[in-house]
Amino acid sequence: MPLTKDSKTEIIAKFGANEMDTGSSEVQIALLTARITDLTEHFKLHPKDHHGRRGLLKLVSKRRHLLNYLQRTEEERYRKLITELGLRK
């Protein structure tokens, strides 16, 4: 199930520079993380949904590329983002 408009605006408000900032790496990564979390819950109920799993892997790959870019260009923003999202252990 896709993210609702309200949840997207909350994520954009939390991670973006302003309410119109939808293109920054932090916002894109946060939105992808929310979608990945929802899909992970979906696969707990539907373990044989292999087509959906391929989409999940594409989302994870896109998030990984964005995280690599952010780490390469802005180390401090990268560290702040992964602590807020809880991506690393």
Protein backbone atom coordinates (compact mmCIF):
# COMPACT_ATOMS: atom_id res chain seq x y z
CA MET A 1 0.00 0.00 0.00
CA PRO A 2 1.44 3.39 -0.94
CA LEU A 3 2.16 6.09 1.59
CA THR A 4 -0.70 8.44 2.33
CA LYS A 5 -0.45 12.12 1.54
CA ASP A 6 -0.43 12.98 5.25
CA SER A 7 2.45 10.66 6.02
CA LYS A 8 4.44 12.04 3.09
CA THR A 9 3.93 15.62 4.25
CA GLU A 10 5.03 14.66 7.77
CA ILE A 11 8.22 13.08 6.43
CA ILE A 12 8.91 16.06 4.18
CA ALA A 13 8.36 18.47 7.07
CA LYS A 14 10.68 16.49 9.32
CA PHE A 15 13.59 15.89 6.92
CA GLY A 16 13.26 18.69 4.36
CA ALA A 17 14.56 22.24 4.52
CA ASN A 18 10.99 23.50 3.98
CA GLU A 19 7.59 22.05 3.08
CA MET A 20 8.34 22.24 -0.65
CA ASP A 21 11.68 20.41 -0.38
CA THR A 22 10.93 17.05 -1.92
CA GLY A 23 14.09 16.57 -3.95
CA SER A 24 16.80 16.63 -1.33
CA SER A 25 18.59 13.38 -0.63
CA GLU A 26 17.42 13.28 2.99
CA VAL A 27 13.75 13.48 2.03
CA GLN A 28 14.09 10.90 -0.72
CA ILE A 29 15.89 8.49 1.61
CA ALA A 30 13.31 9.00 4.35
CA LEU A 31 10.42 8.36 1.94
CA LEU A 32 12.11 5.23 0.59
CA THR A 33 12.72 4.01 4.14
CA ALA A 34 9.03 4.42 4.98
CA ARG A 35 8.03 2.47 1.86
CA ILE A 36 10.59 -0.25 2.61
CA THR A 37 9.25 -0.59 6.15
CA ASP A 38 5.68 -0.94 4.87
CA LEU A 39 6.70 -3.54 2.30
CA THR A 40 8.64 -5.51 4.90
CA GLU A 41 5.47 -5.77 6.98
CA HIS A 42 3.57 -6.80 3.84
CA PHE A 43 5.97 -9.68 3.22
CA LYS A 44 5.46 -11.02 6.71
CA LEU A 45 1.84 -11.67 5.75
CA HIS A 46 2.48 -12.62 2.11
CA PRO A 47 5.74 -14.56 1.92
CA LYS A 48 5.13 -15.83 -1.63
CA ASP A 49 4.78 -12.38 -3.20
CA HIS A 50 7.94 -12.64 -5.29
CA HIS A 51 7.03 -9.88 -7.73
CA GLY A 52 6.61 -7.45 -4.87
CA ARG A 53 9.90 -8.59 -3.39
CA ARG A 54 11.66 -7.56 -6.59
CA GLY A 55 10.21 -4.08 -6.18
CA LEU A 56 11.44 -4.03 -2.59
CA LEU A 57 14.95 -4.90 -3.72
CA LYS A 58 14.86 -2.08 -6.26
CA LEU A 59 13.82 0.37 -3.52
CA VAL A 60 16.61 -0.83 -1.24
CA SER A 61 19.10 -0.43 -4.07
CA LYS A 62 17.91 3.10 -4.84
CA ARG A 63 18.17 4.03 -1.16
CA ARG A 64 21.68 2.56 -0.99
CA HIS A 65 22.79 4.65 -3.98
CA LEU A 66 21.36 7.81 -2.43
CA LEU A 67 23.05 7.03 0.88
CA ASN A 68 26.38 6.47 -0.88
CA TYR A 69 26.01 9.81 -2.65
CA LEU A 70 25.18 11.62 0.57
CA GLN A 71 28.08 9.99 2.39
CA ARG A 72 30.46 10.97 -0.40
CA THR A 73 29.33 14.62 -0.59
CA GLU A 74 28.04 15.59 2.88
CA GLU A 75 29.41 13.34 5.63
CA GLU A 76 27.75 15.24 8.51
CA ARG A 77 24.27 15.19 6.92
CA TYR A 78 24.72 11.46 6.22
CA ARG A 79 25.59 10.66 9.85
CA LYS A 80 22.67 12.72 11.15
CA LEU A 81 20.23 11.04 8.76
CA ILE A 82 21.21 7.46 9.55
CA THR A 83 20.92 8.11 13.28
CA GLU A 84 17.45 9.65 12.85
CA LEU A 85 16.23 6.82 10.66
CA GLY A 86 18.00 4.10 12.64
CA LEU A 87 19.54 2.48 9.59
CA ARG A 88 22.86 1.39 11.07
CA LYS A 89 23.54 -0.66 14.16
